[in-house]
Amino acid sequence: MEFAAHRNLPALRHVQVPYDFDGRLGGECTGHEVPSTKGRALNWAFPFADPRSEMWAFYDAESRPDPDVLRYVAWRRLTAGDQFQIAQGPVYQIRNFWQTGPISKVAGIFQAIAHEWMMPWQLREIPFIGGTNIFATRDLILRIGGFDPAVLTEDMDLGARAWLQGDTWPEFLPYASSEQTPPTYRGFFRQRLRWGSGYLQVCEKIKADSTAPAEKRHYLLRIYWWRGPVAWTLCQLLALLPLVAMALGLTGHLDARAVPDWVHTVLSSYSVFYLAFALFCLLHYRRFMDPAPRKVQTAGFAQIFLLPISAFFLPLPYSASLLLKLLHRAPTTWVKTPRTR
């Protein structure tokens, strides 16, 4: 009402999705309950957008975008015209860093590093959209039929279809947004399990899509295979090594004296490097974190050094998604991730 009472201000609309909406863009209400996904909700909301709009932005309700991102997007649209169709920016899931458990802390830090340092290079190789810091043209969204209401990773699917169907390659948006990460490992596992299962869903969908050019599909599937199942399996195996070595040492089956001196030197150097790197990351991303008392920050920083244990649990949800896929028990419904109050 406050916005509606003033002219030339943005229209703020709070839309509730009917329980029986079929989920398709321009779809209908079926009379029976339809499983909820984020893509389904977005497809329902699109007709409520201002018809004069050219660019649509996608953020979570608790996202904090960079204040200058709209200015940058407007500049790119004015200078690049129709060549600027879709863009993905970094998302740092570290705002509630001091209120999360040790595994969520490590995951949040490494996810932020991946988005800031690796995403610009990744977008040169694959049309990857992943994270709610997305801008896309209204024309592109409508042209490719909106979001797929059946997949669990609607953003990844959008990026793939933007290239396969819309012949448009996403570009990097150099303005980060921050949001929360699941505070408990249970919430973290559930979220990453959805990501992994959705990743495999999109791969299956691309494989079965006979309407897209075969060379494009084969290119995406090859890269997705190496960066998905192969990388997850390798990371899980590597994460097992420190735990196996620790267990063998505690049970007397591994004599530390049998390990060459140069290996001890390398491991010690790695520990010092990790300590320095963790401190650098905390200082670098601190401005994106909600403030906390000094005592809480000290305890939180100490949790970072549980990496040898945490490292095993980080890829575990993705390994579980592979196993559930093989057992034909992969999740099919979207569940909202708990947030810190």
C-alpha atoms as a PDB file:
ATOM      1  CA  MET A   1       0.000   0.000   0.000  1.00  0.00           C
ATOM      2  CA  GLU A   2       2.853   2.385   0.808  1.00  0.00           C
ATOM      3  CA  PHE A   3       4.365   1.848  -2.636  1.00  0.00           C
ATOM      4  CA  ALA A   4       1.003   1.985  -4.402  1.00  0.00           C
ATOM      5  CA  ALA A   5       0.221   5.397  -2.905  1.00  0.00           C
ATOM      6  CA  HIS A   6       3.146   7.024  -4.729  1.00  0.00           C
ATOM      7  CA  ARG A   7       3.667   7.385  -8.446  1.00  0.00           C
ATOM      8  CA  ASN A   8       6.872   6.370 -10.213  1.00  0.00           C
ATOM      9  CA  LEU A   9       7.922   3.933  -7.487  1.00  0.00           C
ATOM     10  CA  PRO A  10       8.539   0.203  -7.961  1.00  0.00           C
ATOM     11  CA  ALA A  11       5.480  -2.014  -7.639  1.00  0.00           C
ATOM     12  CA  LEU A  12       5.813  -4.408  -4.712  1.00  0.00           C
ATOM     13  CA  ARG A  13       3.695  -7.527  -5.072  1.00  0.00           C
ATOM     14  CA  HIS A  14       3.458 -10.438  -2.664  1.00  0.00           C
ATOM     15  CA  VAL A  15       2.131 -13.413  -4.616  1.00  0.00           C
ATOM     16  CA  GLN A  16       0.893 -16.703  -3.171  1.00  0.00           C
ATOM     17  CA  VAL A  17       1.152 -19.759  -5.409  1.00  0.00           C
ATOM     18  CA  PRO A  18      -2.064 -21.835  -5.607  1.00  0.00           C
ATOM     19  CA  TYR A  19      -1.683 -25.337  -4.265  1.00  0.00           C
ATOM     20  CA  ASP A  20      -2.916 -26.841  -7.546  1.00  0.00           C
ATOM     21  CA  PHE A  21      -0.909 -24.783 -10.060  1.00  0.00           C
ATOM     22  CA  ASP A  22       0.663 -27.197 -12.555  1.00  0.00           C
ATOM     23  CA  GLY A  23       3.945 -25.233 -12.550  1.00  0.00           C
ATOM     24  CA  ARG A  24       4.326 -24.460 -16.246  1.00  0.00           C
ATOM     25  CA  LEU A  25       4.708 -20.911 -17.531  1.00  0.00           C
ATOM     26  CA  GLY A  26       1.186 -19.883 -18.529  1.00  0.00           C
ATOM     27  CA  GLY A  27      -0.118 -23.080 -16.943  1.00  0.00           C
ATOM     28  CA  GLU A  28      -3.398 -23.776 -15.180  1.00  0.00           C
ATOM     29  CA  CYS A  29      -4.786 -24.894 -11.842  1.00  0.00           C
ATOM     30  CA  THR A  30      -5.495 -28.610 -11.888  1.00  0.00           C
ATOM     31  CA  GLY A  31      -7.772 -29.055  -8.881  1.00  0.00           C
ATOM     32  CA  HIS A  32      -5.315 -31.337  -7.088  1.00  0.00           C
ATOM     33  CA  GLU A  33      -2.149 -30.597  -5.111  1.00  0.00           C
ATOM     34  CA  VAL A  34       1.090 -30.230  -7.090  1.00  0.00           C
ATOM     35  CA  PRO A  35       4.555 -30.686  -5.466  1.00  0.00           C
ATOM     36  CA  SER A  36       6.267 -27.376  -4.783  1.00  0.00           C
ATOM     37  CA  THR A  37       9.517 -26.268  -6.411  1.00  0.00           C
ATOM     38  CA  LYS A  38      11.144 -22.869  -6.758  1.00  0.00           C
ATOM     39  CA  GLY A  39      10.767 -23.011 -10.545  1.00  0.00           C
ATOM     40  CA  ARG A  40       7.037 -23.633 -10.190  1.00  0.00           C
ATOM     41  CA  ALA A  41       6.650 -20.597  -7.924  1.00  0.00           C
ATOM     42  CA  LEU A  42       8.622 -18.348 -10.277  1.00  0.00           C
ATOM     43  CA  ASN A  43       6.557 -19.396 -13.287  1.00  0.00           C
ATOM     44  CA  TRP A  44       3.410 -18.414 -11.408  1.00  0.00           C
ATOM     45  CA  ALA A  45       4.895 -15.024 -10.503  1.00  0.00           C
ATOM     46  CA  PHE A  46       6.083 -14.001 -13.981  1.00  0.00           C
ATOM     47  CA  PRO A  47       2.668 -12.815 -15.277  1.00  0.00           C
ATOM     48  CA  PHE A  48       2.524 -10.349 -12.359  1.00  0.00           C
ATOM     49  CA  ALA A  49       5.699  -8.567 -13.509  1.00  0.00           C
ATOM     50  CA  ASP A  50       5.442  -5.105 -15.030  1.00  0.00           C
ATOM     51  CA  PRO A  51       4.978  -5.621 -18.797  1.00  0.00           C
ATOM     52  CA  ARG A  52       7.392  -2.741 -19.453  1.00  0.00           C
ATOM     53  CA  SER A  53      10.275  -4.555 -17.750  1.00  0.00           C
ATOM     54  CA  GLU A  54      13.219  -5.772 -19.836  1.00  0.00           C
ATOM     55  CA  MET A  55      15.471  -7.400 -17.206  1.00  0.00           C
ATOM     56  CA  TRP A  56      14.421  -9.679 -14.375  1.00  0.00           C
ATOM     57  CA  ALA A  57      16.582 -10.243 -11.288  1.00  0.00           C
ATOM     58  CA  PHE A  58      16.430 -13.321  -9.071  1.00  0.00           C
ATOM     59  CA  TYR A  59      17.363 -13.219  -5.381  1.00  0.00           C
ATOM     60  CA  ASP A  60      16.381 -15.057  -2.231  1.00  0.00           C
ATOM     61  CA  ALA A  61      14.210 -13.227   0.275  1.00  0.00           C
ATOM     62  CA  GLU A  62      17.196 -12.819   2.612  1.00  0.00           C
ATOM     63  CA  SER A  63      19.765 -11.960  -0.067  1.00  0.00           C
ATOM     64  CA  ARG A  64      21.788  -8.766   0.212  1.00  0.00           C
ATOM     65  CA  PRO A  65      22.831  -7.712  -3.297  1.00  0.00           C
ATOM     66  CA  ASP A  66      25.578  -5.193  -3.952  1.00  0.00           C
ATOM     67  CA  PRO A  67      24.091  -1.661  -3.992  1.00  0.00           C
ATOM     68  CA  ASP A  68      25.717  -0.953  -7.374  1.00  0.00           C
ATOM     69  CA  VAL A  69      24.520  -4.073  -9.187  1.00  0.00           C
ATOM     70  CA  LEU A  70      21.462  -2.420 -10.781  1.00  0.00           C
ATOM     71  CA  ARG A  71      23.596   0.417 -12.104  1.00  0.00           C
ATOM     72  CA  TYR A  72      26.018  -2.071 -13.651  1.00  0.00           C
ATOM     73  CA  VAL A  73      23.238  -4.152 -15.240  1.00  0.00           C
ATOM     74  CA  ALA A  74      21.624  -1.015 -16.677  1.00  0.00           C
ATOM     75  CA  TRP A  75      24.986   0.053 -18.113  1.00  0.00           C
ATOM     76  CA  ARG A  76      25.570  -3.379 -19.690  1.00  0.00           C
ATOM     77  CA  ARG A  77      22.079  -3.400 -21.169  1.00  0.00           C
ATOM     78  CA  LEU A  78      22.495   0.080 -22.640  1.00  0.00           C
ATOM     79  CA  THR A  79      25.947  -0.584 -24.100  1.00  0.00           C
ATOM     80  CA  ALA A  80      25.567  -4.230 -25.175  1.00  0.00           C
ATOM     81  CA  GLY A  81      21.890  -4.228 -26.113  1.00  0.00           C
ATOM     82  CA  ASP A  82      20.485  -7.651 -26.965  1.00  0.00           C
ATOM     83  CA  GLN A  83      23.916  -9.251 -26.566  1.00  0.00           C
ATOM     84  CA  PHE A  84      23.434  -8.938 -22.794  1.00  0.00           C
ATOM     85  CA  GLN A  85      20.803 -11.596 -22.099  1.00  0.00           C
ATOM     86  CA  ILE A  86      21.709 -13.412 -18.892  1.00  0.00           C
ATOM     87  CA  ALA A  87      24.333 -12.980 -16.169  1.00  0.00           C
ATOM     88  CA  GLN A  88      25.367 -14.807 -13.003  1.00  0.00           C
ATOM     89  CA  GLY A  89      27.136 -13.173 -10.076  1.00  0.00           C
ATOM     90  CA  PRO A  90      28.933 -14.659  -7.045  1.00  0.00           C
ATOM     91  CA  VAL A  91      26.915 -15.669  -3.997  1.00  0.00           C
ATOM     92  CA  TYR A  92      28.673 -15.768  -0.628  1.00  0.00           C
ATOM     93  CA  GLN A  93      26.827 -18.008   1.826  1.00  0.00           C
ATOM     94  CA  ILE A  94      28.652 -16.632   4.853  1.00  0.00           C
ATOM     95  CA  ARG A  95      26.469 -13.898   6.320  1.00  0.00           C
ATOM     96  CA  ASN A  96      25.514 -15.994   9.369  1.00  0.00           C
ATOM     97  CA  PHE A  97      29.062 -17.400   9.550  1.00  0.00           C
ATOM     98  CA  TRP A  98      29.481 -16.961  13.319  1.00  0.00           C
ATOM     99  CA  GLN A  99      26.148 -18.677  14.064  1.00  0.00           C
ATOM    100  CA  THR A 100      26.895 -21.886  12.137  1.00  0.00           C
ATOM    101  CA  GLY A 101      28.578 -25.170  12.978  1.00  0.00           C
ATOM    102  CA  PRO A 102      32.162 -26.068  11.980  1.00  0.00           C
ATOM    103  CA  ILE A 103      31.227 -27.915   8.778  1.00  0.00           C
ATOM    104  CA  SER A 104      28.969 -25.099   7.596  1.00  0.00           C
ATOM    105  CA  LYS A 105      31.772 -22.614   8.320  1.00  0.00           C
ATOM    106  CA  VAL A 106      34.279 -24.487   6.182  1.00  0.00           C
ATOM    107  CA  ALA A 107      31.685 -25.031   3.440  1.00  0.00           C
ATOM    108  CA  GLY A 108      30.701 -21.365   3.413  1.00  0.00           C
ATOM    109  CA  ILE A 109      34.295 -20.173   3.112  1.00  0.00           C
ATOM    110  CA  PHE A 110      35.191 -22.559   0.290  1.00  0.00           C
ATOM    111  CA  GLN A 111      31.932 -21.868  -1.550  1.00  0.00           C
ATOM    112  CA  ALA A 112      32.671 -18.135  -1.441  1.00  0.00           C
ATOM    113  CA  ILE A 113      36.198 -18.754  -2.768  1.00  0.00           C
ATOM    114  CA  ALA A 114      34.826 -20.902  -5.592  1.00  0.00           C
ATOM    115  CA  HIS A 115      32.317 -18.241  -6.622  1.00  0.00           C
ATOM    116  CA  GLU A 116      34.756 -15.335  -6.465  1.00  0.00           C
ATOM    117  CA  TRP A 117      37.858 -16.971  -7.936  1.00  0.00           C
ATOM    118  CA  MET A 118      36.578 -19.813 -10.118  1.00  0.00           C
ATOM    119  CA  MET A 119      33.228 -18.642 -11.461  1.00  0.00           C
ATOM    120  CA  PRO A 120      34.678 -16.110 -13.959  1.00  0.00           C
ATOM    121  CA  TRP A 121      36.782 -18.895 -15.514  1.00  0.00           C
ATOM    122  CA  GLN A 122      33.990 -21.449 -15.251  1.00  0.00           C
ATOM    123  CA  LEU A 123      31.608 -19.275 -17.252  1.00  0.00           C
ATOM    124  CA  ARG A 124      34.107 -19.264 -20.107  1.00  0.00           C
ATOM    125  CA  GLU A 125      33.772 -23.025 -20.392  1.00  0.00           C
ATOM    126  CA  ILE A 126      30.157 -23.864 -19.516  1.00  0.00           C
ATOM    127  CA  PRO A 127      26.874 -21.885 -19.421  1.00  0.00           C
ATOM    128  CA  PHE A 128      26.643 -22.356 -15.667  1.00  0.00           C
ATOM    129  CA  ILE A 129      23.964 -20.592 -13.651  1.00  0.00           C
ATOM    130  CA  GLY A 130      24.078 -21.471  -9.957  1.00  0.00           C
ATOM    131  CA  GLY A 131      23.090 -19.185  -7.099  1.00  0.00           C
ATOM    132  CA  THR A 132      20.430 -16.535  -6.597  1.00  0.00           C
ATOM    133  CA  ASN A 133      22.296 -13.572  -8.044  1.00  0.00           C
ATOM    134  CA  ILE A 134      20.922 -13.838 -11.561  1.00  0.00           C
ATOM    135  CA  PHE A 135      19.798 -11.301 -14.154  1.00  0.00           C
ATOM    136  CA  ALA A 136      18.023 -12.398 -17.330  1.00  0.00           C
ATOM    137  CA  THR A 137      15.995 -10.617 -19.972  1.00  0.00           C
ATOM    138  CA  ARG A 138      12.250 -10.995 -19.978  1.00  0.00           C
ATOM    139  CA  ASP A 139      12.457 -12.027 -23.634  1.00  0.00           C
ATOM    140  CA  LEU A 140      14.871 -14.889 -22.913  1.00  0.00           C
ATOM    141  CA  ILE A 141      12.831 -16.248 -20.007  1.00  0.00           C
ATOM    142  CA  LEU A 142       9.613 -16.260 -22.030  1.00  0.00           C
ATOM    143  CA  ARG A 143      11.338 -17.586 -25.156  1.00  0.00           C
ATOM    144  CA  ILE A 144      12.632 -20.732 -23.437  1.00  0.00           C
ATOM    145  CA  GLY A 145       9.408 -21.339 -21.517  1.00  0.00           C
ATOM    146  CA  GLY A 146      10.367 -20.055 -18.070  1.00  0.00           C
ATOM    147  CA  PHE A 147      11.808 -22.349 -15.426  1.00  0.00           C
ATOM    148  CA  ASP A 148      11.382 -26.104 -15.427  1.00  0.00           C
ATOM    149  CA  PRO A 149       9.044 -26.815 -12.478  1.00  0.00           C
ATOM    150  CA  ALA A 150      10.195 -30.428 -12.201  1.00  0.00           C
ATOM    151  CA  VAL A 151      13.930 -29.976 -11.547  1.00  0.00           C
ATOM    152  CA  LEU A 152      15.466 -29.250  -8.145  1.00  0.00           C
ATOM    153  CA  THR A 153      18.229 -26.993  -9.488  1.00  0.00           C
ATOM    154  CA  GLU A 154      16.184 -24.616 -11.600  1.00  0.00           C
ATOM    155  CA  ASP A 155      19.093 -22.180 -11.942  1.00  0.00           C
ATOM    156  CA  MET A 156      21.481 -24.735 -13.455  1.00  0.00           C
ATOM    157  CA  ASP A 157      18.734 -25.894 -15.803  1.00  0.00           C
ATOM    158  CA  LEU A 158      18.063 -22.289 -16.842  1.00  0.00           C
ATOM    159  CA  GLY A 159      21.701 -21.758 -17.825  1.00  0.00           C
ATOM    160  CA  ALA A 160      21.790 -24.961 -19.862  1.00  0.00           C
ATOM    161  CA  ARG A 161      18.545 -24.178 -21.706  1.00  0.00           C
ATOM    162  CA  ALA A 162      19.593 -20.566 -22.305  1.00  0.00           C
ATOM    163  CA  TRP A 163      22.378 -21.987 -24.457  1.00  0.00           C
ATOM    164  CA  LEU A 164      20.687 -25.102 -25.843  1.00  0.00           C
ATOM    165  CA  GLN A 165      17.364 -23.439 -26.703  1.00  0.00           C
ATOM    166  CA  GLY A 166      18.060 -19.715 -26.585  1.00  0.00           C
ATOM    167  CA  ASP A 167      21.559 -19.791 -28.111  1.00  0.00           C
ATOM    168  CA  THR A 168      22.680 -17.411 -25.346  1.00  0.00           C
ATOM    169  CA  TRP A 169      25.790 -17.775 -23.181  1.00  0.00           C
ATOM    170  CA  PRO A 170      25.676 -16.405 -19.606  1.00  0.00           C
ATOM    171  CA  GLU A 171      28.242 -13.799 -18.661  1.00  0.00           C
ATOM    172  CA  PHE A 172      29.883 -13.104 -15.325  1.00  0.00           C
ATOM    173  CA  LEU A 173      28.316 -10.435 -13.132  1.00  0.00           C
ATOM    174  CA  PRO A 174      31.154  -8.841 -11.104  1.00  0.00           C
ATOM    175  CA  TYR A 175      28.967  -7.889  -8.137  1.00  0.00           C
ATOM    176  CA  ALA A 176      28.526 -10.317  -5.261  1.00  0.00           C
ATOM    177  CA  SER A 177      25.462 -11.003  -3.159  1.00  0.00           C
ATOM    178  CA  SER A 178      25.537 -12.465   0.342  1.00  0.00           C
ATOM    179  CA  GLU A 179      23.114 -14.818   2.013  1.00  0.00           C
ATOM    180  CA  GLN A 180      22.971 -17.318   4.844  1.00  0.00           C
ATOM    181  CA  THR A 181      24.225 -20.877   4.861  1.00  0.00           C
ATOM    182  CA  PRO A 182      22.434 -23.727   6.690  1.00  0.00           C
ATOM    183  CA  PRO A 183      23.545 -23.418  10.343  1.00  0.00           C
ATOM    184  CA  THR A 184      23.441 -27.155  11.106  1.00  0.00           C
ATOM    185  CA  TYR A 185      24.922 -30.105   9.277  1.00  0.00           C
ATOM    186  CA  ARG A 186      21.461 -31.589   8.847  1.00  0.00           C
ATOM    187  CA  GLY A 187      20.334 -28.482   6.964  1.00  0.00           C
ATOM    188  CA  PHE A 188      23.603 -28.391   5.019  1.00  0.00           C
ATOM    189  CA  PHE A 189      23.234 -32.052   4.029  1.00  0.00           C
ATOM    190  CA  ARG A 190      19.645 -31.555   2.895  1.00  0.00           C
ATOM    191  CA  GLN A 191      20.527 -28.509   0.791  1.00  0.00           C
ATOM    192  CA  ARG A 192      23.573 -30.100  -0.859  1.00  0.00           C
ATOM    193  CA  LEU A 193      21.676 -33.341  -1.438  1.00  0.00           C
ATOM    194  CA  ARG A 194      19.105 -31.312  -3.356  1.00  0.00           C
ATOM    195  CA  TRP A 195      21.890 -29.618  -5.324  1.00  0.00           C
ATOM    196  CA  GLY A 196      23.524 -32.934  -6.194  1.00  0.00           C
ATOM    197  CA  SER A 197      20.236 -34.618  -7.100  1.00  0.00           C
ATOM    198  CA  GLY A 198      19.198 -31.613  -9.183  1.00  0.00           C
ATOM    199  CA  TYR A 199      22.560 -31.654 -10.952  1.00  0.00           C
ATOM    200  CA  LEU A 200      22.009 -35.264 -11.977  1.00  0.00           C
ATOM    201  CA  GLN A 201      18.426 -34.433 -12.972  1.00  0.00           C
ATOM    202  CA  VAL A 202      19.612 -31.758 -15.378  1.00  0.00           C
ATOM    203  CA  CYS A 203      22.187 -34.134 -16.870  1.00  0.00           C
ATOM    204  CA  GLU A 204      19.487 -36.740 -17.491  1.00  0.00           C
ATOM    205  CA  LYS A 205      17.242 -34.092 -19.014  1.00  0.00           C
ATOM    206  CA  ILE A 206      19.963 -32.877 -21.401  1.00  0.00           C
ATOM    207  CA  LYS A 207      20.747 -36.453 -22.398  1.00  0.00           C
ATOM    208  CA  ALA A 208      17.091 -37.133 -23.244  1.00  0.00           C
ATOM    209  CA  ASP A 209      16.466 -33.832 -25.077  1.00  0.00           C
ATOM    210  CA  SER A 210      16.415 -34.759 -28.753  1.00  0.00           C
ATOM    211  CA  THR A 211      15.385 -31.231 -29.805  1.00  0.00           C
ATOM    212  CA  ALA A 212      18.722 -29.632 -28.869  1.00  0.00           C
ATOM    213  CA  PRO A 213      21.764 -29.926 -31.180  1.00  0.00           C
ATOM    214  CA  ALA A 214      23.649 -33.152 -30.467  1.00  0.00           C
ATOM    215  CA  GLU A 215      27.085 -31.503 -30.394  1.00  0.00           C
ATOM    216  CA  LYS A 216      25.926 -29.013 -27.762  1.00  0.00           C
ATOM    217  CA  ARG A 217      24.395 -31.727 -25.607  1.00  0.00           C
ATOM    218  CA  HIS A 218      27.481 -33.922 -25.805  1.00  0.00           C
ATOM    219  CA  TYR A 219      29.718 -30.980 -24.912  1.00  0.00           C
ATOM    220  CA  LEU A 220      27.704 -30.142 -21.792  1.00  0.00           C
ATOM    221  CA  LEU A 221      27.321 -33.734 -20.677  1.00  0.00           C
ATOM    222  CA  ARG A 222      31.056 -34.389 -20.971  1.00  0.00           C
ATOM    223  CA  ILE A 223      31.954 -31.404 -18.787  1.00  0.00           C
ATOM    224  CA  TYR A 224      29.108 -31.982 -16.334  1.00  0.00           C
ATOM    225  CA  TRP A 225      30.218 -35.601 -15.932  1.00  0.00           C
ATOM    226  CA  TRP A 226      33.799 -34.660 -15.033  1.00  0.00           C
ATOM    227  CA  ARG A 227      32.811 -31.747 -12.785  1.00  0.00           C
ATOM    228  CA  GLY A 228      29.997 -33.687 -11.170  1.00  0.00           C
ATOM    229  CA  PRO A 229      30.119 -37.436 -10.439  1.00  0.00           C
ATOM    230  CA  VAL A 230      33.842 -37.862 -11.189  1.00  0.00           C
ATOM    231  CA  ALA A 231      34.899 -34.859  -9.089  1.00  0.00           C
ATOM    232  CA  TRP A 232      32.534 -35.786  -6.236  1.00  0.00           C
ATOM    233  CA  THR A 233      33.876 -39.339  -6.075  1.00  0.00           C
ATOM    234  CA  LEU A 234      37.499 -38.176  -6.169  1.00  0.00           C
ATOM    235  CA  CYS A 235      36.923 -35.599  -3.420  1.00  0.00           C
ATOM    236  CA  GLN A 236      35.182 -38.176  -1.239  1.00  0.00           C
ATOM    237  CA  LEU A 237      38.070 -40.624  -1.617  1.00  0.00           C
ATOM    238  CA  LEU A 238      40.675 -37.946  -0.863  1.00  0.00           C
ATOM    239  CA  ALA A 239      38.684 -36.839   2.181  1.00  0.00           C
ATOM    240  CA  LEU A 240      38.877 -40.379   3.529  1.00  0.00           C
ATOM    241  CA  LEU A 241      42.685 -40.441   3.592  1.00  0.00           C
ATOM    242  CA  PRO A 242      43.251 -38.237   6.694  1.00  0.00           C
ATOM    243  CA  LEU A 243      40.605 -40.144   8.652  1.00  0.00           C
ATOM    244  CA  VAL A 244      42.051 -43.513   7.652  1.00  0.00           C
ATOM    245  CA  ALA A 245      45.576 -42.379   8.576  1.00  0.00           C
ATOM    246  CA  MET A 246      44.315 -41.060  11.918  1.00  0.00           C
ATOM    247  CA  ALA A 247      42.480 -44.309  12.675  1.00  0.00           C
ATOM    248  CA  LEU A 248      45.503 -46.432  11.735  1.00  0.00           C
ATOM    249  CA  GLY A 249      47.774 -44.297  13.884  1.00  0.00           C
ATOM    250  CA  LEU A 250      45.496 -44.488  16.929  1.00  0.00           C
ATOM    251  CA  THR A 251      45.155 -48.264  16.631  1.00  0.00           C
ATOM    252  CA  GLY A 252      48.905 -48.788  16.194  1.00  0.00           C
ATOM    253  CA  HIS A 253      48.693 -50.002  12.598  1.00  0.00           C
ATOM    254  CA  LEU A 254      50.614 -47.034  11.219  1.00  0.00           C
ATOM    255  CA  ASP A 255      54.026 -46.103  12.583  1.00  0.00           C
ATOM    256  CA  ALA A 256      54.682 -42.403  12.081  1.00  0.00           C
ATOM    257  CA  ARG A 257      58.423 -43.111  12.125  1.00  0.00           C
ATOM    258  CA  ALA A 258      58.038 -45.113   8.906  1.00  0.00           C
ATOM    259  CA  VAL A 259      56.877 -42.018   7.065  1.00  0.00           C
ATOM    260  CA  PRO A 260      59.783 -40.242   5.269  1.00  0.00           C
ATOM    261  CA  ASP A 261      60.963 -36.957   6.750  1.00  0.00           C
ATOM    262  CA  TRP A 262      60.056 -35.014   3.626  1.00  0.00           C
ATOM    263  CA  VAL A 263      56.419 -36.101   4.029  1.00  0.00           C
ATOM    264  CA  HIS A 264      56.387 -34.690   7.582  1.00  0.00           C
ATOM    265  CA  THR A 265      57.839 -31.449   6.215  1.00  0.00           C
ATOM    266  CA  VAL A 266      55.178 -31.216   3.503  1.00  0.00           C
ATOM    267  CA  LEU A 267      52.361 -31.884   5.976  1.00  0.00           C
ATOM    268  CA  SER A 268      53.717 -29.315   8.429  1.00  0.00           C
ATOM    269  CA  SER A 269      54.040 -26.741   5.651  1.00  0.00           C
ATOM    270  CA  TYR A 270      50.484 -27.484   4.567  1.00  0.00           C
ATOM    271  CA  SER A 271      49.226 -26.860   8.101  1.00  0.00           C
ATOM    272  CA  VAL A 272      50.961 -23.482   8.245  1.00  0.00           C
ATOM    273  CA  PHE A 273      49.665 -22.580   4.780  1.00  0.00           C
ATOM    274  CA  TYR A 274      46.108 -23.552   5.711  1.00  0.00           C
ATOM    275  CA  LEU A 275      46.273 -21.473   8.903  1.00  0.00           C
ATOM    276  CA  ALA A 276      47.420 -18.418   6.957  1.00  0.00           C
ATOM    277  CA  PHE A 277      44.882 -19.010   4.194  1.00  0.00           C
ATOM    278  CA  ALA A 278      41.999 -19.401   6.660  1.00  0.00           C
ATOM    279  CA  LEU A 279      42.974 -16.140   8.359  1.00  0.00           C
ATOM    280  CA  PHE A 280      43.157 -14.389   4.977  1.00  0.00           C
ATOM    281  CA  CYS A 281      39.688 -15.660   4.004  1.00  0.00           C
ATOM    282  CA  LEU A 282      38.138 -14.505   7.269  1.00  0.00           C
ATOM    283  CA  LEU A 283      39.591 -11.032   6.854  1.00  0.00           C
ATOM    284  CA  HIS A 284      38.684 -10.916   3.160  1.00  0.00           C
ATOM    285  CA  TYR A 285      35.019 -11.925   3.618  1.00  0.00           C
ATOM    286  CA  ARG A 286      34.462 -10.381   7.027  1.00  0.00           C
ATOM    287  CA  ARG A 287      32.489  -7.445   5.631  1.00  0.00           C
ATOM    288  CA  PHE A 288      29.858  -9.889   4.353  1.00  0.00           C
ATOM    289  CA  MET A 289      29.391 -11.505   7.792  1.00  0.00           C
ATOM    290  CA  ASP A 290      26.891 -10.351  10.376  1.00  0.00           C
ATOM    291  CA  PRO A 291      28.727  -9.037  13.466  1.00  0.00           C
ATOM    292  CA  ALA A 292      29.167 -11.208  16.550  1.00  0.00           C
ATOM    293  CA  PRO A 293      30.790 -10.837  20.003  1.00  0.00           C
ATOM    294  CA  ARG A 294      34.561 -11.293  20.159  1.00  0.00           C
ATOM    295  CA  LYS A 295      34.216 -14.500  22.174  1.00  0.00           C
ATOM    296  CA  VAL A 296      31.951 -16.019  19.514  1.00  0.00           C
ATOM    297  CA  GLN A 297      34.374 -15.026  16.750  1.00  0.00           C
ATOM    298  CA  THR A 298      37.344 -16.581  18.572  1.00  0.00           C
ATOM    299  CA  ALA A 299      35.504 -19.878  19.041  1.00  0.00           C
ATOM    300  CA  GLY A 300      34.331 -19.778  15.425  1.00  0.00           C
ATOM    301  CA  PHE A 301      37.829 -19.224  14.104  1.00  0.00           C
ATOM    302  CA  ALA A 302      39.048 -22.236  16.105  1.00  0.00           C
ATOM    303  CA  GLN A 303      36.421 -24.416  14.411  1.00  0.00           C
ATOM    304  CA  ILE A 304      38.060 -23.745  11.047  1.00  0.00           C
ATOM    305  CA  PHE A 305      40.914 -26.066  12.070  1.00  0.00           C
ATOM    306  CA  LEU A 306      38.628 -29.077  12.110  1.00  0.00           C
ATOM    307  CA  LEU A 307      39.164 -29.312   8.341  1.00  0.00           C
ATOM    308  CA  PRO A 308      40.576 -32.896   8.360  1.00  0.00           C
ATOM    309  CA  ILE A 309      37.290 -34.055   9.908  1.00  0.00           C
ATOM    310  CA  SER A 310      35.015 -31.562   8.135  1.00  0.00           C
ATOM    311  CA  ALA A 311      36.522 -32.411   4.741  1.00  0.00           C
ATOM    312  CA  PHE A 312      34.955 -35.876   4.869  1.00  0.00           C
ATOM    313  CA  PHE A 313      31.463 -34.485   5.428  1.00  0.00           C
ATOM    314  CA  LEU A 314      31.600 -31.756   2.750  1.00  0.00           C
ATOM    315  CA  PRO A 315      31.273 -34.035  -0.338  1.00  0.00           C
ATOM    316  CA  LEU A 316      29.111 -36.592   1.497  1.00  0.00           C
ATOM    317  CA  PRO A 317      25.718 -35.170   0.324  1.00  0.00           C
ATOM    318  CA  TYR A 318      26.881 -35.327  -3.288  1.00  0.00           C
ATOM    319  CA  SER A 319      28.061 -38.911  -2.817  1.00  0.00           C
ATOM    320  CA  ALA A 320      24.657 -39.661  -1.296  1.00  0.00           C
ATOM    321  CA  SER A 321      22.903 -38.139  -4.312  1.00  0.00           C
ATOM    322  CA  LEU A 322      24.855 -40.501  -6.581  1.00  0.00           C
ATOM    323  CA  LEU A 323      23.928 -43.493  -4.435  1.00  0.00           C
ATOM    324  CA  LEU A 324      20.246 -42.516  -4.268  1.00  0.00           C
ATOM    325  CA  LYS A 325      20.242 -42.034  -8.033  1.00  0.00           C
ATOM    326  CA  LEU A 326      21.562 -45.570  -8.519  1.00  0.00           C
ATOM    327  CA  LEU A 327      18.896 -46.878  -6.128  1.00  0.00           C
ATOM    328  CA  HIS A 328      16.152 -44.860  -7.885  1.00  0.00           C
ATOM    329  CA  ARG A 329      15.363 -43.067  -4.625  1.00  0.00           C
ATOM    330  CA  ALA A 330      16.554 -39.557  -5.458  1.00  0.00           C
ATOM    331  CA  PRO A 331      14.492 -36.706  -3.914  1.00  0.00           C
ATOM    332  CA  THR A 332      11.955 -35.104  -6.236  1.00  0.00           C
ATOM    333  CA  THR A 333      10.448 -32.327  -4.092  1.00  0.00           C
ATOM    334  CA  TRP A 334      11.951 -29.003  -3.078  1.00  0.00           C
ATOM    335  CA  VAL A 335      12.336 -28.382   0.679  1.00  0.00           C
ATOM    336  CA  LYS A 336      13.077 -24.907   2.019  1.00  0.00           C
ATOM    337  CA  THR A 337      16.466 -24.679   3.724  1.00  0.00           C
ATOM    338  CA  PRO A 338      16.314 -23.511   7.379  1.00  0.00           C
ATOM    339  CA  ARG A 339      17.873 -20.111   8.049  1.00  0.00           C
ATOM    340  CA  THR A 340      19.370 -18.404  11.100  1.00  0.00           C
ATOM    341  CA  ARG A 341      17.071 -15.891  12.754  1.00  0.00           C
END
